[in-house]
Amino acid sequence: MMTPITSPMDGTSDTRLFAAEVAEYLQRAPRQLPSKYFYDALGSALFEAICRLPWYPITRAESALLERHAAQILDPVARPLSVAELGCGSGEKLALLLERGAAACAQVQLVDVSSDALAQTRDRLREAPVLSIQAHLCGYEEGLRRVAADRPRDGSLVLLFLGSNIGNFDPPCDRAMLTAMRESLRPGDWLLLGTDLVKPERDLLLAYADPLGVTAAFNSNLLRRINDELGGNFDLNAFTHRAIWNAREQRVEMHLVSLFRQRVLIDRAGLDLTFNAGEFIWTESSYKYEPDAVVQAGLAAGFSGANQWIDEEGRFAVTRFAV
């Protein structure tokens, strides 16, 4: 059974929020943009292309872990089984977990800020052993509220937060997110968390500044979206993509760097900005982890136990937390 995508906002309110957050973040020091706005239709397609690049091992490593260990991951989960995924993307990993885990699922709930991602995931799950699918077009926090309200009364819920999406949260927001996930669950539920691990700097920079320039296009598309939706006049050729490894903070940072002094107007955000040469917009942080630190973070958030599977070649971990 398929249900319509539910959204807390209409298009007008969505644009108003986009404009307000662009205005707020671009006036910070340093200038920033929220990474959630990467994922319009074009941005989502570019990200799917990034996941296929030979220099970006995250998706392959995580998928390999799910393929090898799906049955083991789902074995202790009480039936009837329900699954919810925050940031579902294309739905490939969710489908892989259910199909390889041979798990009939009473309900799937999907949460994503991209309507294209929700539609793509629902299409991917049409042949999966799923009785019903509900899709929520919203952010993580609202999504958690909706999942808790709409879940079946019986059985266990497995909450998926894959793709190292937790790595986009700066401390202490990452800990707050883990706590919010724990508080949305009840005894007998589980969290499945995917985290990218610390690896050599060269490998990290290749993943976030690939030789084909796909990640650069993904980053620059954020400026194109502001131009199209908020009446901006960014010259995309006047900014260059930069990725750096901040070893002290254990994060990759993505920036868009102004090539020269320039003026940028964004009509619907009410902005008239001057960028100096070398000034940058910070568009994303991607934190990397040590395996033990992931387990300790989950336990500190209130989970009662953990099991972890690691792909050593791709340096990626999938951790199952019990409530």
C-alpha atoms as a PDB file:
ATOM      1  CA  MET A   1       0.000   0.000   0.000  1.00  0.00           C
ATOM      2  CA  MET A   2       1.432   3.372  -1.057  1.00  0.00           C
ATOM      3  CA  THR A   3       0.461   6.619   0.656  1.00  0.00           C
ATOM      4  CA  PRO A   4       0.985  10.207  -0.516  1.00  0.00           C
ATOM      5  CA  ILE A   5       4.092  12.139   0.468  1.00  0.00           C
ATOM      6  CA  THR A   6       3.244  14.298   3.467  1.00  0.00           C
ATOM      7  CA  SER A   7       4.808  17.708   3.957  1.00  0.00           C
ATOM      8  CA  PRO A   8       4.487  20.226   6.805  1.00  0.00           C
ATOM      9  CA  MET A   9       4.821  23.174   4.422  1.00  0.00           C
ATOM     10  CA  ASP A  10       3.446  24.383   1.139  1.00  0.00           C
ATOM     11  CA  GLY A  11       5.759  25.726  -1.565  1.00  0.00           C
ATOM     12  CA  THR A  12       5.401  29.343  -0.457  1.00  0.00           C
ATOM     13  CA  SER A  13       6.370  28.573   3.141  1.00  0.00           C
ATOM     14  CA  ASP A  14       9.234  26.392   1.895  1.00  0.00           C
ATOM     15  CA  THR A  15      10.670  29.271  -0.132  1.00  0.00           C
ATOM     16  CA  ARG A  16      10.208  31.658   2.776  1.00  0.00           C
ATOM     17  CA  LEU A  17      12.215  29.364   5.081  1.00  0.00           C
ATOM     18  CA  PHE A  18      14.900  28.915   2.433  1.00  0.00           C
ATOM     19  CA  ALA A  19      15.210  32.690   2.045  1.00  0.00           C
ATOM     20  CA  ALA A  20      15.321  33.286   5.795  1.00  0.00           C
ATOM     21  CA  GLU A  21      18.032  30.709   6.391  1.00  0.00           C
ATOM     22  CA  VAL A  22      20.117  31.880   3.433  1.00  0.00           C
ATOM     23  CA  ALA A  23      19.905  35.440   4.808  1.00  0.00           C
ATOM     24  CA  GLU A  24      20.918  34.292   8.285  1.00  0.00           C
ATOM     25  CA  TYR A  25      23.786  31.989   7.314  1.00  0.00           C
ATOM     26  CA  LEU A  26      25.357  34.211   4.651  1.00  0.00           C
ATOM     27  CA  GLN A  27      25.687  37.005   7.209  1.00  0.00           C
ATOM     28  CA  ARG A  28      27.604  34.818   9.659  1.00  0.00           C
ATOM     29  CA  ALA A  29      31.379  34.956  10.004  1.00  0.00           C
ATOM     30  CA  PRO A  30      32.557  32.950   8.186  1.00  0.00           C
ATOM     31  CA  ARG A  31      29.735  32.941   5.656  1.00  0.00           C
ATOM     32  CA  GLN A  32      27.838  29.644   5.554  1.00  0.00           C
ATOM     33  CA  LEU A  33      24.940  27.867   3.869  1.00  0.00           C
ATOM     34  CA  PRO A  34      22.951  24.948   5.360  1.00  0.00           C
ATOM     35  CA  SER A  35      23.948  21.723   3.611  1.00  0.00           C
ATOM     36  CA  LYS A  36      20.345  20.444   3.586  1.00  0.00           C
ATOM     37  CA  TYR A  37      19.704  22.780   0.637  1.00  0.00           C
ATOM     38  CA  PHE A  38      22.046  20.779  -1.588  1.00  0.00           C
ATOM     39  CA  TYR A  39      19.220  18.349  -2.289  1.00  0.00           C
ATOM     40  CA  ASP A  40      16.914  19.756  -4.903  1.00  0.00           C
ATOM     41  CA  ALA A  41      16.263  17.520  -7.939  1.00  0.00           C
ATOM     42  CA  LEU A  42      19.588  18.340  -9.611  1.00  0.00           C
ATOM     43  CA  GLY A  43      21.522  18.204  -6.348  1.00  0.00           C
ATOM     44  CA  SER A  44      20.101  14.789  -5.507  1.00  0.00           C
ATOM     45  CA  ALA A  45      21.066  13.483  -8.948  1.00  0.00           C
ATOM     46  CA  LEU A  46      24.589  14.861  -8.584  1.00  0.00           C
ATOM     47  CA  PHE A  47      24.937  13.246  -5.177  1.00  0.00           C
ATOM     48  CA  GLU A  48      23.872   9.888  -6.601  1.00  0.00           C
ATOM     49  CA  ALA A  49      26.621  10.332  -9.200  1.00  0.00           C
ATOM     50  CA  ILE A  50      29.136  11.115  -6.441  1.00  0.00           C
ATOM     51  CA  CYS A  51      28.211   7.849  -4.715  1.00  0.00           C
ATOM     52  CA  ARG A  52      29.278   5.967  -7.864  1.00  0.00           C
ATOM     53  CA  LEU A  53      32.692   7.615  -8.155  1.00  0.00           C
ATOM     54  CA  PRO A  54      35.725   5.353  -7.570  1.00  0.00           C
ATOM     55  CA  TRP A  55      37.148   7.900  -5.138  1.00  0.00           C
ATOM     56  CA  TYR A  56      34.046   7.938  -2.901  1.00  0.00           C
ATOM     57  CA  PRO A  57      33.983   4.609  -1.008  1.00  0.00           C
ATOM     58  CA  ILE A  58      31.292   5.444   1.553  1.00  0.00           C
ATOM     59  CA  THR A  59      28.276   4.053  -0.292  1.00  0.00           C
ATOM     60  CA  ARG A  60      30.052   0.925  -1.545  1.00  0.00           C
ATOM     61  CA  ALA A  61      31.502   0.121   1.888  1.00  0.00           C
ATOM     62  CA  GLU A  62      28.200   0.621   3.686  1.00  0.00           C
ATOM     63  CA  SER A  63      26.281  -1.383   1.095  1.00  0.00           C
ATOM     64  CA  ALA A  64      28.798  -4.217   1.376  1.00  0.00           C
ATOM     65  CA  LEU A  65      28.330  -4.310   5.150  1.00  0.00           C
ATOM     66  CA  LEU A  66      24.552  -4.418   4.815  1.00  0.00           C
ATOM     67  CA  GLU A  67      24.754  -7.120   2.148  1.00  0.00           C
ATOM     68  CA  ARG A  68      27.039  -9.327   4.263  1.00  0.00           C
ATOM     69  CA  HIS A  69      25.381  -8.798   7.629  1.00  0.00           C
ATOM     70  CA  ALA A  70      21.697  -8.003   6.936  1.00  0.00           C
ATOM     71  CA  ALA A  71      20.380 -11.200   8.476  1.00  0.00           C
ATOM     72  CA  GLN A  72      22.592 -10.781  11.546  1.00  0.00           C
ATOM     73  CA  ILE A  73      21.575  -7.135  11.926  1.00  0.00           C
ATOM     74  CA  LEU A  74      17.849  -7.930  11.840  1.00  0.00           C
ATOM     75  CA  ASP A  75      17.972 -11.254  13.700  1.00  0.00           C
ATOM     76  CA  PRO A  76      17.214  -9.908  17.229  1.00  0.00           C
ATOM     77  CA  VAL A  77      14.458  -7.548  16.070  1.00  0.00           C
ATOM     78  CA  ALA A  78      10.994  -8.512  17.315  1.00  0.00           C
ATOM     79  CA  ARG A  79       8.264  -9.011  14.736  1.00  0.00           C
ATOM     80  CA  PRO A  80       6.200  -7.470  13.279  1.00  0.00           C
ATOM     81  CA  LEU A  81       9.067  -5.372  11.979  1.00  0.00           C
ATOM     82  CA  SER A  82       8.780  -1.705  11.043  1.00  0.00           C
ATOM     83  CA  VAL A  83      11.556   0.408   9.562  1.00  0.00           C
ATOM     84  CA  ALA A  84      12.044   4.171   9.336  1.00  0.00           C
ATOM     85  CA  GLU A  85      14.894   5.844   7.468  1.00  0.00           C
ATOM     86  CA  LEU A  86      16.056   9.419   7.935  1.00  0.00           C
ATOM     87  CA  GLY A  87      17.544  10.704   4.679  1.00  0.00           C
ATOM     88  CA  CYS A  88      16.533   7.799   2.463  1.00  0.00           C
ATOM     89  CA  GLY A  89      18.305   8.949  -0.722  1.00  0.00           C
ATOM     90  CA  SER A  90      17.699   6.418  -3.511  1.00  0.00           C
ATOM     91  CA  GLY A  91      16.452   3.671  -1.172  1.00  0.00           C
ATOM     92  CA  GLU A  92      19.073   1.179  -2.363  1.00  0.00           C
ATOM     93  CA  LYS A  93      20.523   0.469   1.085  1.00  0.00           C
ATOM     94  CA  LEU A  94      17.114   0.111   2.724  1.00  0.00           C
ATOM     95  CA  ALA A  95      16.012  -2.325   0.023  1.00  0.00           C
ATOM     96  CA  LEU A  96      19.279  -4.231   0.371  1.00  0.00           C
ATOM     97  CA  LEU A  97      18.788  -4.596   4.125  1.00  0.00           C
ATOM     98  CA  LEU A  98      15.248  -5.928   3.773  1.00  0.00           C
ATOM     99  CA  GLU A  99      15.949  -8.198   0.816  1.00  0.00           C
ATOM    100  CA  ARG A 100      19.211  -9.673   2.117  1.00  0.00           C
ATOM    101  CA  GLY A 101      17.821  -9.879   5.635  1.00  0.00           C
ATOM    102  CA  ALA A 102      14.797 -11.804   4.333  1.00  0.00           C
ATOM    103  CA  ALA A 103      12.638  -9.564   6.501  1.00  0.00           C
ATOM    104  CA  ALA A 104       8.954  -9.000   5.834  1.00  0.00           C
ATOM    105  CA  CYS A 105       8.254  -5.436   6.932  1.00  0.00           C
ATOM    106  CA  ALA A 106       4.869  -4.257   8.178  1.00  0.00           C
ATOM    107  CA  GLN A 107       5.588  -0.579   7.554  1.00  0.00           C
ATOM    108  CA  VAL A 108       8.331   1.599   6.099  1.00  0.00           C
ATOM    109  CA  GLN A 109       8.476   5.304   6.898  1.00  0.00           C
ATOM    110  CA  LEU A 110      10.730   7.520   4.806  1.00  0.00           C
ATOM    111  CA  VAL A 111      11.983  10.967   5.777  1.00  0.00           C
ATOM    112  CA  ASP A 112      13.802  13.246   3.342  1.00  0.00           C
ATOM    113  CA  VAL A 113      13.919  16.908   2.317  1.00  0.00           C
ATOM    114  CA  SER A 114      13.934  15.860  -1.358  1.00  0.00           C
ATOM    115  CA  SER A 115      10.645  14.833  -2.959  1.00  0.00           C
ATOM    116  CA  ASP A 116      12.653  13.190  -5.753  1.00  0.00           C
ATOM    117  CA  ALA A 117      14.497  11.011  -3.220  1.00  0.00           C
ATOM    118  CA  LEU A 118      11.215   9.959  -1.610  1.00  0.00           C
ATOM    119  CA  ALA A 119       9.670   9.067  -4.960  1.00  0.00           C
ATOM    120  CA  GLN A 120      12.779   7.167  -6.035  1.00  0.00           C
ATOM    121  CA  THR A 121      12.857   5.172  -2.804  1.00  0.00           C
ATOM    122  CA  ARG A 122       9.186   4.271  -3.041  1.00  0.00           C
ATOM    123  CA  ASP A 123       9.766   3.030  -6.587  1.00  0.00           C
ATOM    124  CA  ARG A 124      12.767   0.982  -5.447  1.00  0.00           C
ATOM    125  CA  LEU A 125      10.731  -0.660  -2.684  1.00  0.00           C
ATOM    126  CA  ARG A 126       7.844  -1.751  -4.912  1.00  0.00           C
ATOM    127  CA  GLU A 127       9.242  -5.289  -5.137  1.00  0.00           C
ATOM    128  CA  ALA A 128      10.531  -5.401  -1.549  1.00  0.00           C
ATOM    129  CA  PRO A 129       8.701  -7.354   1.201  1.00  0.00           C
ATOM    130  CA  VAL A 130       6.878  -4.279   2.533  1.00  0.00           C
ATOM    131  CA  LEU A 131       3.173  -3.972   3.375  1.00  0.00           C
ATOM    132  CA  SER A 132       2.934  -0.167   3.500  1.00  0.00           C
ATOM    133  CA  ILE A 133       5.117   2.832   2.777  1.00  0.00           C
ATOM    134  CA  GLN A 134       4.661   6.313   4.199  1.00  0.00           C
ATOM    135  CA  ALA A 135       6.822   9.210   3.023  1.00  0.00           C
ATOM    136  CA  HIS A 136       7.418  12.461   4.921  1.00  0.00           C
ATOM    137  CA  LEU A 137       8.830  15.490   3.083  1.00  0.00           C
ATOM    138  CA  CYS A 138      10.533  17.226   6.014  1.00  0.00           C
ATOM    139  CA  GLY A 139      13.716  17.497   8.054  1.00  0.00           C
ATOM    140  CA  TYR A 140      15.042  15.024  10.567  1.00  0.00           C
ATOM    141  CA  GLU A 141      13.528  16.511  13.718  1.00  0.00           C
ATOM    142  CA  GLU A 142      10.024  16.781  12.279  1.00  0.00           C
ATOM    143  CA  GLY A 143      10.521  13.373  10.723  1.00  0.00           C
ATOM    144  CA  LEU A 144      11.261  11.789  14.086  1.00  0.00           C
ATOM    145  CA  ARG A 145       8.031  13.234  15.484  1.00  0.00           C
ATOM    146  CA  ARG A 146       6.037  11.904  12.560  1.00  0.00           C
ATOM    147  CA  VAL A 147       7.637   8.460  12.731  1.00  0.00           C
ATOM    148  CA  ALA A 148       6.866   8.167  16.451  1.00  0.00           C
ATOM    149  CA  ALA A 149       3.261   9.252  15.912  1.00  0.00           C
ATOM    150  CA  ASP A 150       2.527   7.050  12.887  1.00  0.00           C
ATOM    151  CA  ARG A 151       4.292   3.798  13.776  1.00  0.00           C
ATOM    152  CA  PRO A 152       2.345   0.590  14.464  1.00  0.00           C
ATOM    153  CA  ARG A 153       1.538  -0.174  18.079  1.00  0.00           C
ATOM    154  CA  ASP A 154       3.002  -3.678  17.963  1.00  0.00           C
ATOM    155  CA  GLY A 155       6.474  -4.969  17.165  1.00  0.00           C
ATOM    156  CA  SER A 156       9.864  -3.295  16.915  1.00  0.00           C
ATOM    157  CA  LEU A 157      10.982  -0.276  14.930  1.00  0.00           C
ATOM    158  CA  VAL A 158      14.426  -0.138  13.351  1.00  0.00           C
ATOM    159  CA  LEU A 159      15.493   3.467  12.732  1.00  0.00           C
ATOM    160  CA  LEU A 160      18.090   3.865   9.983  1.00  0.00           C
ATOM    161  CA  PHE A 161      20.477   6.808   9.882  1.00  0.00           C
ATOM    162  CA  LEU A 162      22.959   5.736   7.219  1.00  0.00           C
ATOM    163  CA  GLY A 163      25.472   7.294   4.832  1.00  0.00           C
ATOM    164  CA  SER A 164      27.359   8.945   7.718  1.00  0.00           C
ATOM    165  CA  ASN A 165      24.686  11.667   7.763  1.00  0.00           C
ATOM    166  CA  ILE A 166      25.431  12.111  11.469  1.00  0.00           C
ATOM    167  CA  GLY A 167      28.788  13.486  10.315  1.00  0.00           C
ATOM    168  CA  ASN A 168      27.100  16.616   8.952  1.00  0.00           C
ATOM    169  CA  PHE A 169      26.232  17.699  12.503  1.00  0.00           C
ATOM    170  CA  ASP A 170      28.736  19.850  14.372  1.00  0.00           C
ATOM    171  CA  PRO A 171      29.278  19.038  18.048  1.00  0.00           C
ATOM    172  CA  PRO A 172      27.258  19.245  20.234  1.00  0.00           C
ATOM    173  CA  CYS A 173      24.435  18.962  17.651  1.00  0.00           C
ATOM    174  CA  ASP A 174      25.546  15.430  16.767  1.00  0.00           C
ATOM    175  CA  ARG A 175      25.030  14.351  20.376  1.00  0.00           C
ATOM    176  CA  ALA A 176      21.672  16.143  20.468  1.00  0.00           C
ATOM    177  CA  MET A 177      20.621  14.292  17.314  1.00  0.00           C
ATOM    178  CA  LEU A 178      21.549  10.920  18.806  1.00  0.00           C
ATOM    179  CA  THR A 179      19.612  11.809  21.948  1.00  0.00           C
ATOM    180  CA  ALA A 180      16.571  12.884  19.895  1.00  0.00           C
ATOM    181  CA  MET A 181      16.645   9.568  18.047  1.00  0.00           C
ATOM    182  CA  ARG A 182      16.895   7.662  21.312  1.00  0.00           C
ATOM    183  CA  GLU A 183      13.960   9.596  22.809  1.00  0.00           C
ATOM    184  CA  SER A 184      11.786   8.905  19.760  1.00  0.00           C
ATOM    185  CA  LEU A 185      12.200   5.151  20.231  1.00  0.00           C
ATOM    186  CA  ARG A 186      10.798   2.789  22.836  1.00  0.00           C
ATOM    187  CA  PRO A 187      12.112  -0.391  24.527  1.00  0.00           C
ATOM    188  CA  GLY A 188      12.635  -3.138  21.980  1.00  0.00           C
ATOM    189  CA  ASP A 189      13.513  -0.687  19.176  1.00  0.00           C
ATOM    190  CA  TRP A 190      16.888  -0.288  17.456  1.00  0.00           C
ATOM    191  CA  LEU A 191      19.011   2.342  15.734  1.00  0.00           C
ATOM    192  CA  LEU A 192      21.250   1.421  12.797  1.00  0.00           C
ATOM    193  CA  LEU A 193      23.891   4.118  12.360  1.00  0.00           C
ATOM    194  CA  GLY A 194      26.371   4.411   9.488  1.00  0.00           C
ATOM    195  CA  THR A 195      29.587   6.356  10.130  1.00  0.00           C
ATOM    196  CA  ASP A 196      32.592   7.108   7.957  1.00  0.00           C
ATOM    197  CA  LEU A 197      35.879   6.469   9.748  1.00  0.00           C
ATOM    198  CA  VAL A 198      39.099   8.464   9.834  1.00  0.00           C
ATOM    199  CA  LYS A 199      41.348   7.560   6.895  1.00  0.00           C
ATOM    200  CA  PRO A 200      44.424   9.054   5.182  1.00  0.00           C
ATOM    201  CA  GLU A 201      44.085  12.704   4.190  1.00  0.00           C
ATOM    202  CA  ARG A 202      44.794  11.970   0.531  1.00  0.00           C
ATOM    203  CA  ASP A 203      41.881   9.527   0.357  1.00  0.00           C
ATOM    204  CA  LEU A 204      39.525  11.968   2.062  1.00  0.00           C
ATOM    205  CA  LEU A 205      40.390  14.840  -0.263  1.00  0.00           C
ATOM    206  CA  LEU A 206      39.953  12.659  -3.356  1.00  0.00           C
ATOM    207  CA  ALA A 207      36.483  11.752  -2.080  1.00  0.00           C
ATOM    208  CA  TYR A 208      35.463  15.400  -1.659  1.00  0.00           C
ATOM    209  CA  ALA A 209      37.378  16.972  -4.552  1.00  0.00           C
ATOM    210  CA  ASP A 210      37.177  14.285  -7.217  1.00  0.00           C
ATOM    211  CA  PRO A 211      39.173  14.623 -10.465  1.00  0.00           C
ATOM    212  CA  LEU A 212      35.983  14.630 -12.565  1.00  0.00           C
ATOM    213  CA  GLY A 213      34.622  17.671 -10.749  1.00  0.00           C
ATOM    214  CA  VAL A 214      31.289  16.075  -9.821  1.00  0.00           C
ATOM    215  CA  THR A 215      31.558  17.181  -6.190  1.00  0.00           C
ATOM    216  CA  ALA A 216      32.473  20.677  -7.350  1.00  0.00           C
ATOM    217  CA  ALA A 217      29.307  20.754  -9.462  1.00  0.00           C
ATOM    218  CA  PHE A 218      27.271  19.467  -6.512  1.00  0.00           C
ATOM    219  CA  ASN A 219      28.668  22.272  -4.345  1.00  0.00           C
ATOM    220  CA  SER A 220      28.169  24.994  -6.963  1.00  0.00           C
ATOM    221  CA  ASN A 221      24.613  23.842  -7.622  1.00  0.00           C
ATOM    222  CA  LEU A 222      23.680  25.379  -4.280  1.00  0.00           C
ATOM    223  CA  LEU A 223      24.454  28.816  -5.722  1.00  0.00           C
ATOM    224  CA  ARG A 224      22.487  27.979  -8.879  1.00  0.00           C
ATOM    225  CA  ARG A 225      19.524  27.039  -6.694  1.00  0.00           C
ATOM    226  CA  ILE A 226      19.707  30.380  -4.852  1.00  0.00           C
ATOM    227  CA  ASN A 227      19.764  32.190  -8.197  1.00  0.00           C
ATOM    228  CA  ASP A 228      16.744  30.291  -9.518  1.00  0.00           C
ATOM    229  CA  GLU A 229      14.576  30.222  -6.398  1.00  0.00           C
ATOM    230  CA  LEU A 230      15.559  33.378  -4.511  1.00  0.00           C
ATOM    231  CA  GLY A 231      16.467  35.798  -7.300  1.00  0.00           C
ATOM    232  CA  GLY A 232      20.212  35.703  -6.709  1.00  0.00           C
ATOM    233  CA  ASN A 233      22.870  36.805  -9.182  1.00  0.00           C
ATOM    234  CA  PHE A 234      25.759  34.524  -8.205  1.00  0.00           C
ATOM    235  CA  ASP A 235      28.260  34.073 -11.044  1.00  0.00           C
ATOM    236  CA  LEU A 236      29.014  30.356 -10.724  1.00  0.00           C
ATOM    237  CA  ASN A 237      32.307  30.831 -12.565  1.00  0.00           C
ATOM    238  CA  ALA A 238      33.414  33.374  -9.962  1.00  0.00           C
ATOM    239  CA  PHE A 239      33.541  30.784  -7.155  1.00  0.00           C
ATOM    240  CA  THR A 240      35.688  27.678  -6.959  1.00  0.00           C
ATOM    241  CA  HIS A 241      35.168  24.475  -4.980  1.00  0.00           C
ATOM    242  CA  ARG A 242      37.604  23.713  -2.164  1.00  0.00           C
ATOM    243  CA  ALA A 243      37.771  20.732   0.192  1.00  0.00           C
ATOM    244  CA  ILE A 244      40.131  20.672   3.174  1.00  0.00           C
ATOM    245  CA  TRP A 245      40.856  18.134   5.908  1.00  0.00           C
ATOM    246  CA  ASN A 246      40.730  19.707   9.377  1.00  0.00           C
ATOM    247  CA  ALA A 247      42.722  17.116  11.309  1.00  0.00           C
ATOM    248  CA  ARG A 248      42.215  18.760  14.699  1.00  0.00           C
ATOM    249  CA  GLU A 249      38.418  18.641  14.349  1.00  0.00           C
ATOM    250  CA  GLN A 250      38.438  15.367  12.357  1.00  0.00           C
ATOM    251  CA  ARG A 251      36.271  16.774   9.589  1.00  0.00           C
ATOM    252  CA  VAL A 252      36.333  17.487   5.867  1.00  0.00           C
ATOM    253  CA  GLU A 253      35.134  21.015   5.114  1.00  0.00           C
ATOM    254  CA  MET A 254      33.638  22.048   1.773  1.00  0.00           C
ATOM    255  CA  HIS A 255      33.920  25.686   0.748  1.00  0.00           C
ATOM    256  CA  LEU A 256      32.985  27.857  -2.211  1.00  0.00           C
ATOM    257  CA  VAL A 257      35.784  30.424  -2.586  1.00  0.00           C
ATOM    258  CA  SER A 258      35.374  33.815  -4.256  1.00  0.00           C
ATOM    259  CA  LEU A 259      37.992  34.269  -6.993  1.00  0.00           C
ATOM    260  CA  PHE A 260      37.929  38.068  -6.808  1.00  0.00           C
ATOM    261  CA  ARG A 261      36.143  40.966  -5.120  1.00  0.00           C
ATOM    262  CA  GLN A 262      32.512  40.913  -6.219  1.00  0.00           C
ATOM    263  CA  ARG A 263      29.006  42.007  -5.292  1.00  0.00           C
ATOM    264  CA  VAL A 264      26.154  39.517  -4.940  1.00  0.00           C
ATOM    265  CA  LEU A 265      22.469  40.399  -4.666  1.00  0.00           C
ATOM    266  CA  ILE A 266      19.795  37.943  -3.474  1.00  0.00           C
ATOM    267  CA  ASP A 267      16.430  39.593  -3.923  1.00  0.00           C
ATOM    268  CA  ARG A 268      14.114  37.338  -1.891  1.00  0.00           C
ATOM    269  CA  ALA A 269      16.608  37.100   0.973  1.00  0.00           C
ATOM    270  CA  GLY A 270      17.057  40.880   1.053  1.00  0.00           C
ATOM    271  CA  LEU A 271      20.827  40.587   0.732  1.00  0.00           C
ATOM    272  CA  ASP A 272      23.402  42.883  -0.834  1.00  0.00           C
ATOM    273  CA  LEU A 273      26.790  41.255  -0.141  1.00  0.00           C
ATOM    274  CA  THR A 274      30.381  42.032  -1.033  1.00  0.00           C
ATOM    275  CA  PHE A 275      32.787  39.094  -1.269  1.00  0.00           C
ATOM    276  CA  ASN A 276      36.508  39.753  -1.150  1.00  0.00           C
ATOM    277  CA  ALA A 277      38.980  37.674  -3.143  1.00  0.00           C
ATOM    278  CA  GLY A 278      39.626  34.463  -1.200  1.00  0.00           C
ATOM    279  CA  GLU A 279      36.548  34.853   0.995  1.00  0.00           C
ATOM    280  CA  PHE A 280      34.593  31.623   1.217  1.00  0.00           C
ATOM    281  CA  ILE A 281      31.155  30.216   1.922  1.00  0.00           C
ATOM    282  CA  TRP A 282      31.300  27.153   4.187  1.00  0.00           C
ATOM    283  CA  THR A 283      28.753  24.729   2.745  1.00  0.00           C
ATOM    284  CA  GLU A 284      29.357  21.433   4.540  1.00  0.00           C
ATOM    285  CA  SER A 285      31.243  19.691   7.334  1.00  0.00           C
ATOM    286  CA  SER A 286      31.704  15.934   7.199  1.00  0.00           C
ATOM    287  CA  TYR A 287      33.060  14.530  10.454  1.00  0.00           C
ATOM    288  CA  LYS A 288      35.007  11.270  10.519  1.00  0.00           C
ATOM    289  CA  TYR A 289      35.124   8.918  13.502  1.00  0.00           C
ATOM    290  CA  GLU A 290      37.005   6.236  15.345  1.00  0.00           C
ATOM    291  CA  PRO A 291      34.944   3.050  15.907  1.00  0.00           C
ATOM    292  CA  ASP A 292      35.060   3.159  19.711  1.00  0.00           C
ATOM    293  CA  ALA A 293      34.004   6.814  19.721  1.00  0.00           C
ATOM    294  CA  VAL A 294      30.847   5.930  17.764  1.00  0.00           C
ATOM    295  CA  VAL A 295      29.860   3.303  20.341  1.00  0.00           C
ATOM    296  CA  GLN A 296      30.565   5.620  23.256  1.00  0.00           C
ATOM    297  CA  ALA A 297      28.521   8.429  21.685  1.00  0.00           C
ATOM    298  CA  GLY A 298      25.504   6.137  21.334  1.00  0.00           C
ATOM    299  CA  LEU A 299      25.761   4.862  24.886  1.00  0.00           C
ATOM    300  CA  ALA A 300      26.107   8.433  26.166  1.00  0.00           C
ATOM    301  CA  ALA A 301      22.869   9.292  24.316  1.00  0.00           C
ATOM    302  CA  GLY A 302      21.026   6.633  26.318  1.00  0.00           C
ATOM    303  CA  PHE A 303      21.174   3.512  24.168  1.00  0.00           C
ATOM    304  CA  SER A 304      21.639   0.327  26.181  1.00  0.00           C
ATOM    305  CA  GLY A 305      24.092  -1.631  24.021  1.00  0.00           C
ATOM    306  CA  ALA A 306      25.820  -1.794  20.663  1.00  0.00           C
ATOM    307  CA  ASN A 307      27.078  -4.176  17.994  1.00  0.00           C
ATOM    308  CA  GLN A 308      29.379  -2.943  15.265  1.00  0.00           C
ATOM    309  CA  TRP A 309      30.434  -4.125  11.814  1.00  0.00           C
ATOM    310  CA  ILE A 310      33.426  -2.522  10.058  1.00  0.00           C
ATOM    311  CA  ASP A 311      34.574  -2.539   6.445  1.00  0.00           C
ATOM    312  CA  GLU A 312      38.334  -2.172   6.889  1.00  0.00           C
ATOM    313  CA  GLU A 313      39.094  -1.496   3.240  1.00  0.00           C
ATOM    314  CA  GLY A 314      36.585   1.316   2.915  1.00  0.00           C
ATOM    315  CA  ARG A 315      37.028   2.406   6.553  1.00  0.00           C
ATOM    316  CA  PHE A 316      33.312   2.527   7.323  1.00  0.00           C
ATOM    317  CA  ALA A 317      31.272   1.288  10.301  1.00  0.00           C
ATOM    318  CA  VAL A 318      27.659   0.248  10.741  1.00  0.00           C
ATOM    319  CA  THR A 319      26.622   0.201  14.400  1.00  0.00           C
ATOM    320  CA  ARG A 320      23.395  -1.246  15.796  1.00  0.00           C
ATOM    321  CA  PHE A 321      22.227   0.337  19.046  1.00  0.00           C
ATOM    322  CA  ALA A 322      19.606  -1.228  21.307  1.00  0.00           C
ATOM    323  CA  VAL A 323      17.044   0.730  23.268  1.00  0.00           C
END
